[in-house]
């Protein structure tokens, strides 16, 4: 009797290990590669045949000729996809207050003549710490600085912002947002850094 139950348990273990550990993952991976190959491979962005990032993960930009994304709270470096997390600081936490003050100082230093209110997403981290998007307000706040440093007309930069704005998910979820990496890569194509004034 015990041997019969043991045999059933061993056969079940082997069977379900094969199904859930090999067949199912291979089937899901194969279907994803057929139907959504770009998404299944990480939504990678390539430039001149070289991977420069992902449209799903932000990158740090701090030069004034680029649009800056949201702050990242990941460790040990910003936008670390292996350590996705928010800061979890409460609104009264002094560390959050210091991080916001430091980012405001950096934004004001990069563009001292900009007296507009700074959008909140430029001074706070997202819940994941990886957000590749900023609000349209955050892009427009930075537009004069980027145009000036790139030697472009604001109208040209505004057209790029519009081009790289993603609409609401499913047409009604969330707010429209701008993919920072795609926008900055488009700026580099329009005015390579070596040609900037």
Protein backbone atom coordinates (compact mmCIF):
# COMPACT_ATOMS: atom_id res chain seq x y z
CA UNK A 1 0.00 0.00 0.00
CA UNK A 2 2.78 2.43 0.95
CA UNK A 3 4.73 1.58 -2.21
CA UNK A 4 1.64 2.25 -4.33
CA UNK A 5 1.21 5.73 -2.81
CA UNK A 6 4.93 6.40 -3.10
CA UNK A 7 4.89 5.42 -6.77
CA UNK A 8 1.89 7.73 -7.43
CA UNK A 9 3.67 10.58 -5.60
CA UNK A 10 6.91 10.10 -7.57
CA UNK A 11 5.10 9.87 -10.93
CA UNK A 12 3.06 13.00 -10.04
CA UNK A 13 6.22 14.86 -9.04
CA UNK A 14 7.96 13.99 -12.31
CA UNK A 15 4.85 14.73 -14.38
CA UNK A 16 4.10 18.12 -12.80
CA UNK A 17 7.78 19.10 -12.77
CA UNK A 18 7.83 18.48 -16.51
CA UNK A 19 4.56 20.35 -17.11
CA UNK A 20 5.06 23.36 -14.82
CA UNK A 21 8.86 23.51 -14.91
CA UNK A 22 9.51 22.91 -18.60
CA UNK A 23 6.50 22.66 -20.92
CA UNK A 24 4.52 25.63 -19.57
CA UNK A 25 7.47 28.09 -19.41
CA UNK A 26 8.63 27.09 -22.90
CA UNK A 27 5.09 27.44 -24.29
CA UNK A 28 4.57 30.87 -22.71
CA UNK A 29 8.00 32.07 -23.87
CA UNK A 30 7.36 30.78 -27.40
CA UNK A 31 3.92 32.40 -27.61
CA UNK A 32 5.31 35.70 -26.27
CA UNK A 33 8.12 35.62 -28.83
CA UNK A 34 5.60 35.04 -31.63
CA UNK A 35 2.95 37.56 -30.58
CA UNK A 36 4.91 40.27 -28.69
CA UNK A 37 8.61 39.84 -29.57
CA UNK A 38 9.55 43.44 -28.66
CA UNK A 39 7.89 43.31 -25.24
CA UNK A 40 9.08 39.75 -24.53
CA UNK A 41 12.67 40.89 -25.07
CA UNK A 42 12.47 43.88 -22.74
CA UNK A 43 11.25 46.65 -25.09
CA UNK A 44 14.88 47.43 -25.92
CA UNK A 45 15.78 50.63 -27.75
CA UNK A 46 18.57 50.32 -30.30
CA UNK A 47 20.55 53.07 -31.96
CA UNK A 48 22.99 52.26 -34.75
CA UNK A 49 22.52 48.55 -33.99
CA UNK A 50 23.53 49.00 -30.33
CA UNK A 51 21.17 48.63 -27.36
CA UNK A 52 21.03 51.99 -25.52
CA UNK A 53 18.25 51.22 -23.05
CA UNK A 54 14.69 50.09 -22.60
CA UNK A 55 11.51 52.06 -23.07
CA UNK A 56 10.35 50.56 -19.75
CA UNK A 57 13.25 51.62 -17.51
CA UNK A 58 14.42 55.18 -16.90
CA UNK A 59 17.99 56.40 -17.13
CA UNK A 60 19.71 59.19 -15.22
CA UNK A 61 20.20 62.45 -17.12
CA UNK A 62 21.69 65.50 -15.44
CA UNK A 63 23.25 67.49 -18.29
CA UNK A 64 21.24 70.65 -19.02
CA UNK A 65 20.95 69.83 -22.73
CA UNK A 66 18.84 66.77 -21.89
CA UNK A 67 15.39 66.32 -20.39
CA UNK A 68 15.65 64.92 -16.88
CA UNK A 69 13.47 62.08 -15.66
CA UNK A 70 12.10 61.34 -12.23
CA UNK A 71 14.39 60.69 -9.31
CA UNK A 72 15.17 57.04 -8.64
CA UNK A 73 15.29 55.54 -5.16
CA UNK A 74 16.90 52.25 -6.21
CA UNK A 75 20.22 51.12 -4.75
CA UNK A 76 23.16 50.94 -5.12
CA UNK A 77 22.68 53.16 -8.21
CA UNK A 78 19.78 54.98 -9.86
CA UNK A 79 17.39 53.02 -12.10
CA UNK A 80 18.74 49.64 -10.96
CA UNK A 81 16.18 47.23 -12.43
CA UNK A 82 17.33 44.47 -10.09
CA UNK A 83 16.36 46.55 -7.04
CA UNK A 84 13.08 48.18 -8.02
CA UNK A 85 11.67 50.11 -5.09
CA UNK A 86 10.44 53.46 -3.94
CA UNK A 87 12.02 55.42 -1.13
CA UNK A 88 9.05 54.70 1.18
CA UNK A 89 9.69 58.05 2.86
CA UNK A 90 6.66 59.63 4.44
CA UNK A 91 5.82 63.27 3.62
CA UNK A 92 7.37 64.47 6.90
CA UNK A 93 10.60 62.48 6.56
CA UNK A 94 13.65 64.81 6.59
CA UNK A 95 15.43 62.59 4.02
CA UNK A 96 12.60 63.16 1.52
CA UNK A 97 12.67 66.89 2.24
CA UNK A 98 16.46 66.97 1.67
CA UNK A 99 16.19 65.00 -1.61
CA UNK A 100 13.50 67.38 -2.89
CA UNK A 101 15.55 70.45 -1.90
CA UNK A 102 18.63 69.04 -3.61
CA UNK A 103 16.71 68.37 -6.85
CA UNK A 104 15.12 71.84 -6.78
CA UNK A 105 18.59 73.33 -6.36
CA UNK A 106 19.89 71.29 -9.34
CA UNK A 107 16.95 72.35 -11.54
CA UNK A 108 17.39 76.02 -10.58
CA UNK A 109 21.15 75.86 -11.18
CA UNK A 110 20.62 74.37 -14.64
CA UNK A 111 17.99 77.00 -15.54
CA UNK A 112 18.13 79.99 -13.16
CA UNK A 113 15.82 82.13 -15.29
CA UNK A 114 12.94 79.65 -15.10
CA UNK A 115 10.50 81.01 -12.50
CA UNK A 116 7.66 78.54 -13.22
CA UNK A 117 6.51 76.16 -10.48
CA UNK A 118 8.43 72.87 -10.63
CA UNK A 119 6.17 69.87 -11.35
CA UNK A 120 6.17 67.38 -8.48
CA UNK A 121 7.34 64.45 -10.60
CA UNK A 122 10.68 66.20 -11.22
CA UNK A 123 11.47 66.27 -7.49
CA UNK A 124 10.08 62.92 -6.29
CA UNK A 125 10.73 59.26 -7.10
CA UNK A 126 8.12 56.90 -8.47
CA UNK A 127 6.96 53.83 -6.54
CA UNK A 128 9.19 51.56 -8.63
CA UNK A 129 12.17 53.90 -8.86
CA UNK A 130 12.38 52.94 -12.55
CA UNK A 131 9.76 55.16 -14.20
CA UNK A 132 10.93 56.10 -17.73
CA UNK A 133 8.24 58.78 -18.13
CA UNK A 134 7.60 62.29 -16.94
CA UNK A 135 4.40 64.30 -17.11
CA UNK A 136 3.80 66.69 -19.98
CA UNK A 137 4.05 69.52 -17.42
CA UNK A 138 7.53 68.30 -16.41
CA UNK A 139 8.63 68.21 -20.06
CA UNK A 140 7.25 71.69 -20.73
CA UNK A 141 8.97 73.04 -17.63
CA UNK A 142 12.32 71.86 -19.05
CA UNK A 143 11.61 72.85 -22.66
CA UNK A 144 13.16 76.37 -22.58
CA UNK A 145 16.39 75.11 -20.98
CA UNK A 146 16.83 72.23 -23.42
CA UNK A 147 16.03 74.42 -26.44
CA UNK A 148 18.51 77.07 -25.30
CA UNK A 149 21.35 74.58 -24.63
CA UNK A 150 20.69 72.77 -27.92
CA UNK A 151 20.44 75.96 -29.96
CA UNK A 152 16.94 74.99 -31.11
CA UNK A 153 13.69 76.90 -31.33
CA UNK A 154 11.22 76.04 -28.60
CA UNK A 155 8.69 75.12 -31.29
CA UNK A 156 11.03 72.38 -32.58
CA UNK A 157 11.48 70.92 -29.12
CA UNK A 158 7.73 71.12 -28.45
CA UNK A 159 7.10 69.06 -31.59
CA UNK A 160 9.47 66.38 -30.28
CA UNK A 161 7.69 66.37 -26.91
CA UNK A 162 4.38 65.86 -28.70
CA UNK A 163 5.88 63.08 -30.82
CA UNK A 164 7.17 61.15 -27.79
CA UNK A 165 4.11 61.61 -25.61
CA UNK A 166 2.34 58.35 -24.80
CA UNK A 167 -1.43 58.58 -24.38
CA UNK A 168 -3.52 57.10 -21.61
CA UNK A 169 -3.43 53.32 -21.29
CA UNK A 170 -6.45 51.77 -23.01
CA UNK A 171 -7.53 55.34 -23.75
CA UNK A 172 -8.71 56.14 -20.21
CA UNK A 173 -6.21 54.92 -17.59
CA UNK A 174 -3.60 57.30 -16.16
CA UNK A 175 -2.35 60.51 -17.68
CA UNK A 176 -0.44 61.15 -20.91
CA UNK A 177 3.31 61.04 -20.30
CA UNK A 178 6.60 61.58 -22.13
CA UNK A 179 9.25 58.86 -22.51
CA UNK A 180 12.47 60.64 -21.47
CA UNK A 181 14.99 58.29 -23.13
CA UNK A 182 13.20 58.29 -26.48
CA UNK A 183 12.88 62.09 -26.36
CA UNK A 184 16.58 62.57 -25.54
CA UNK A 185 17.66 60.17 -28.28
CA UNK A 186 15.52 62.13 -30.76
CA UNK A 187 17.22 65.34 -29.59
CA UNK A 188 20.63 63.77 -30.20
CA UNK A 189 19.57 62.79 -33.71
CA UNK A 190 18.36 66.33 -34.39
CA UNK A 191 21.39 68.07 -32.84
CA UNK A 192 24.29 65.76 -31.97
CA UNK A 193 26.19 66.94 -28.88
CA UNK A 194 29.37 67.49 -30.88
CA UNK A 195 27.53 70.09 -33.00
CA UNK A 196 25.90 71.95 -30.15
CA UNK A 197 26.66 75.62 -29.68
